[in-house]
Amino acid sequence: MIVYLARHGVEDGSVYTHGGLGGGEIDGIEQIDGVWYTYFSERGKKNYYRKWPDEAAAVSYIFPRAVDLAKHYGIWTE
């Protein structure tokens, strides 16, 4: 996901974050002790953690959201 998004001009921290905190309100994805989670980063905190059965499921949730936001903000390049 990270490589694919980067190929389209979408860098970590722009409309999603991988394990970090965003520069505003942003979706995040991370692995903790072998378990994949998604969350919403806001006001310097990770909130609304959601546990997923595997990486593919977590990516399936985050990926389309990142693509939609990147296109909405004009970040997406073909």
N, C-alpha and C. Protein backbone atom coordinates (compact mmCIF):
# COMPACT_ATOMS: atom_id res chain seq x y z
N MET A 1 0.81 -1.17 0.00
CA MET A 1 0.00 0.00 0.00
C MET A 1 0.88 1.26 0.00
N ILE A 2 1.88 1.29 0.85
CA ILE A 2 2.73 2.47 0.97
C ILE A 2 3.42 2.78 -0.36
N VAL A 3 3.96 1.76 -0.99
CA VAL A 3 4.67 1.94 -2.26
C VAL A 3 3.71 2.38 -3.36
N TYR A 4 2.55 1.73 -3.43
CA TYR A 4 1.56 2.06 -4.45
C TYR A 4 1.10 3.51 -4.29
N LEU A 5 0.76 3.90 -3.08
CA LEU A 5 0.31 5.27 -2.85
C LEU A 5 1.41 6.27 -3.19
N ALA A 6 2.64 5.97 -2.81
CA ALA A 6 3.76 6.87 -3.11
C ALA A 6 3.94 7.04 -4.62
N ARG A 7 3.72 5.98 -5.39
CA ARG A 7 3.82 6.07 -6.85
C ARG A 7 2.81 7.06 -7.41
N HIS A 8 1.74 7.30 -6.66
CA HIS A 8 0.70 8.22 -7.09
C HIS A 8 0.76 9.55 -6.34
N GLY A 9 1.91 9.83 -5.76
CA GLY A 9 2.14 11.11 -5.13
C GLY A 9 1.60 11.25 -3.72
N VAL A 10 1.18 10.14 -3.13
CA VAL A 10 0.58 10.17 -1.79
C VAL A 10 1.60 9.63 -0.79
N GLU A 11 2.18 10.52 -0.02
CA GLU A 11 3.21 10.14 0.95
C GLU A 11 2.60 9.90 2.33
N ASP A 12 3.27 9.07 3.10
CA ASP A 12 2.88 8.83 4.49
C ASP A 12 2.82 10.19 5.21
N GLY A 13 1.72 10.44 5.88
CA GLY A 13 1.54 11.69 6.59
C GLY A 13 0.68 12.70 5.86
N SER A 14 0.38 12.43 4.59
CA SER A 14 -0.44 13.37 3.83
C SER A 14 -1.94 13.13 4.08
N VAL A 15 -2.41 11.93 3.78
CA VAL A 15 -3.83 11.60 4.01
C VAL A 15 -3.98 10.32 4.83
N TYR A 16 -2.85 9.72 5.19
CA TYR A 16 -2.83 8.54 6.06
C TYR A 16 -1.48 8.53 6.77
N THR A 17 -1.38 7.74 7.80
CA THR A 17 -0.09 7.58 8.47
C THR A 17 0.11 6.11 8.83
N HIS A 18 1.33 5.67 8.74
CA HIS A 18 1.68 4.29 9.08
C HIS A 18 2.41 4.31 10.41
N GLY A 19 1.65 4.15 11.48
CA GLY A 19 2.23 4.06 12.81
C GLY A 19 2.50 5.38 13.50
N GLY A 20 2.26 6.47 12.81
CA GLY A 20 2.56 7.76 13.41
C GLY A 20 1.33 8.57 13.74
N LEU A 21 1.57 9.81 14.06
CA LEU A 21 0.50 10.77 14.28
C LEU A 21 0.50 11.72 13.10
N GLY A 22 -0.66 12.05 12.61
CA GLY A 22 -0.74 12.94 11.47
C GLY A 22 -0.55 14.39 11.86
N GLY A 23 -0.43 15.22 10.86
CA GLY A 23 -0.30 16.64 11.09
C GLY A 23 -1.64 17.31 11.32
N GLY A 24 -2.64 16.54 11.53
CA GLY A 24 -4.01 17.00 11.75
C GLY A 24 -4.86 15.79 12.01
N GLU A 25 -6.05 15.80 11.48
CA GLU A 25 -6.93 14.63 11.62
C GLU A 25 -6.67 13.71 10.44
N ILE A 26 -6.25 12.48 10.74
CA ILE A 26 -5.80 11.57 9.68
C ILE A 26 -5.99 10.12 10.11
N ASP A 27 -6.28 9.26 9.14
CA ASP A 27 -6.38 7.82 9.40
C ASP A 27 -4.99 7.23 9.56
N GLY A 28 -4.89 6.19 10.38
CA GLY A 28 -3.61 5.52 10.57
C GLY A 28 -3.76 4.01 10.57
N ILE A 29 -2.64 3.35 10.34
CA ILE A 29 -2.57 1.89 10.34
C ILE A 29 -1.25 1.50 10.99
N GLU A 30 -1.28 0.46 11.80
CA GLU A 30 -0.04 -0.01 12.40
C GLU A 30 -0.19 -1.45 12.90
N GLN A 31 0.96 -2.07 13.08
CA GLN A 31 1.02 -3.42 13.62
C GLN A 31 1.63 -3.34 15.01
N ILE A 32 0.95 -3.94 15.98
CA ILE A 32 1.45 -3.97 17.35
C ILE A 32 1.44 -5.42 17.81
N ASP A 33 2.61 -5.92 18.15
CA ASP A 33 2.75 -7.31 18.61
C ASP A 33 2.08 -8.30 17.68
N GLY A 34 2.26 -8.09 16.38
CA GLY A 34 1.75 -9.01 15.38
C GLY A 34 0.28 -8.83 15.03
N VAL A 35 -0.38 -7.85 15.62
CA VAL A 35 -1.80 -7.60 15.37
C VAL A 35 -1.93 -6.27 14.62
N TRP A 36 -2.78 -6.25 13.59
CA TRP A 36 -2.98 -5.04 12.79
C TRP A 36 -4.14 -4.23 13.31
N TYR A 37 -3.92 -2.91 13.36
CA TYR A 37 -4.92 -1.97 13.85
C TYR A 37 -5.04 -0.79 12.89
N THR A 38 -6.23 -0.21 12.86
CA THR A 38 -6.41 1.09 12.25
C THR A 38 -6.86 2.03 13.37
N TYR A 39 -6.67 3.31 13.14
CA TYR A 39 -7.02 4.30 14.16
C TYR A 39 -7.21 5.65 13.48
N PHE A 40 -7.66 6.60 14.25
CA PHE A 40 -7.81 7.96 13.76
C PHE A 40 -6.93 8.85 14.63
N SER A 41 -5.99 9.52 13.99
CA SER A 41 -5.07 10.40 14.69
C SER A 41 -5.67 11.80 14.72
N GLU A 42 -5.83 12.33 15.92
CA GLU A 42 -6.33 13.69 16.06
C GLU A 42 -5.82 14.29 17.35
N ARG A 43 -5.47 15.56 17.27
CA ARG A 43 -4.99 16.30 18.44
C ARG A 43 -3.84 15.59 19.16
N GLY A 44 -2.95 14.99 18.38
CA GLY A 44 -1.77 14.36 18.95
C GLY A 44 -2.01 13.03 19.64
N LYS A 45 -3.17 12.41 19.39
CA LYS A 45 -3.48 11.11 20.01
C LYS A 45 -4.06 10.16 18.97
N LYS A 46 -3.87 8.89 19.21
CA LYS A 46 -4.45 7.85 18.37
C LYS A 46 -5.76 7.40 19.03
N ASN A 47 -6.85 7.57 18.33
CA ASN A 47 -8.17 7.24 18.85
C ASN A 47 -8.89 6.24 17.96
N TYR A 48 -9.93 5.68 18.50
CA TYR A 48 -10.82 4.78 17.75
C TYR A 48 -10.08 3.59 17.15
N TYR A 49 -9.22 2.97 17.95
CA TYR A 49 -8.50 1.77 17.48
C TYR A 49 -9.49 0.70 17.06
N ARG A 50 -9.19 0.06 15.94
CA ARG A 50 -9.98 -1.06 15.44
C ARG A 50 -9.02 -2.19 15.10
N LYS A 51 -9.24 -3.33 15.67
CA LYS A 51 -8.39 -4.52 15.47
C LYS A 51 -8.85 -5.27 14.23
N TRP A 52 -7.88 -5.76 13.45
CA TRP A 52 -8.18 -6.50 12.22
C TRP A 52 -7.56 -7.89 12.29
N PRO A 53 -8.14 -8.86 11.60
CA PRO A 53 -7.61 -10.22 11.66
C PRO A 53 -6.25 -10.39 10.97
N ASP A 54 -5.94 -9.49 10.01
CA ASP A 54 -4.66 -9.57 9.31
C ASP A 54 -4.37 -8.25 8.60
N GLU A 55 -3.20 -8.16 8.03
CA GLU A 55 -2.78 -6.94 7.34
C GLU A 55 -3.70 -6.61 6.18
N ALA A 56 -4.08 -7.62 5.40
CA ALA A 56 -4.93 -7.39 4.23
C ALA A 56 -6.25 -6.73 4.61
N ALA A 57 -6.83 -7.16 5.71
CA ALA A 57 -8.10 -6.58 6.15
C ALA A 57 -7.93 -5.12 6.57
N ALA A 58 -6.86 -4.83 7.28
CA ALA A 58 -6.59 -3.46 7.72
C ALA A 58 -6.33 -2.56 6.51
N VAL A 59 -5.56 -3.05 5.57
CA VAL A 59 -5.26 -2.29 4.35
C VAL A 59 -6.54 -2.08 3.54
N SER A 60 -7.40 -3.08 3.49
CA SER A 60 -8.66 -2.96 2.75
C SER A 60 -9.54 -1.85 3.30
N TYR A 61 -9.38 -1.56 4.56
CA TYR A 61 -10.13 -0.47 5.18
C TYR A 61 -9.47 0.88 4.90
N ILE A 62 -8.18 0.99 5.11
CA ILE A 62 -7.46 2.26 5.00
C ILE A 62 -7.24 2.70 3.55
N PHE A 63 -6.88 1.77 2.69
CA PHE A 63 -6.49 2.10 1.32
C PHE A 63 -7.52 2.92 0.56
N PRO A 64 -8.77 2.48 0.46
CA PRO A 64 -9.73 3.29 -0.32
C PRO A 64 -9.98 4.67 0.30
N ARG A 65 -9.90 4.75 1.60
CA ARG A 65 -10.07 6.04 2.27
C ARG A 65 -8.93 6.98 1.88
N ALA A 66 -7.71 6.45 1.86
CA ALA A 66 -6.54 7.26 1.48
C ALA A 66 -6.64 7.72 0.03
N VAL A 67 -7.04 6.82 -0.86
CA VAL A 67 -7.17 7.17 -2.28
C VAL A 67 -8.24 8.25 -2.45
N ASP A 68 -9.38 8.07 -1.82
CA ASP A 68 -10.47 9.06 -1.94
C ASP A 68 -10.02 10.43 -1.45
N LEU A 69 -9.37 10.47 -0.29
CA LEU A 69 -8.92 11.76 0.24
C LEU A 69 -7.84 12.38 -0.64
N ALA A 70 -6.92 11.56 -1.14
CA ALA A 70 -5.86 12.08 -2.01
C ALA A 70 -6.46 12.71 -3.27
N LYS A 71 -7.46 12.07 -3.83
CA LYS A 71 -8.12 12.62 -5.02
C LYS A 71 -8.90 13.88 -4.66
N HIS A 72 -9.56 13.87 -3.53
CA HIS A 72 -10.32 15.03 -3.08
C HIS A 72 -9.42 16.25 -2.89
N TYR A 73 -8.25 16.05 -2.32
CA TYR A 73 -7.32 17.16 -2.06
C TYR A 73 -6.38 17.46 -3.23
N GLY A 74 -6.55 16.72 -4.33
CA GLY A 74 -5.72 16.98 -5.50
C GLY A 74 -4.28 16.50 -5.40
N ILE A 75 -4.04 15.58 -4.50
CA ILE A 75 -2.68 15.02 -4.32
C ILE A 75 -2.41 13.90 -5.32
N TRP A 76 -3.43 13.14 -5.66
CA TRP A 76 -3.31 11.94 -6.50
C TRP A 76 -2.78 12.29 -7.88
N THR A 77 -1.77 11.55 -8.32
CA THR A 77 -1.24 11.69 -9.68
C THR A 77 -1.33 10.34 -10.37
N GLU A 78 -1.56 10.37 -11.66
CA GLU A 78 -1.67 9.12 -12.43
C GLU A 78 -0.33 8.61 -12.86
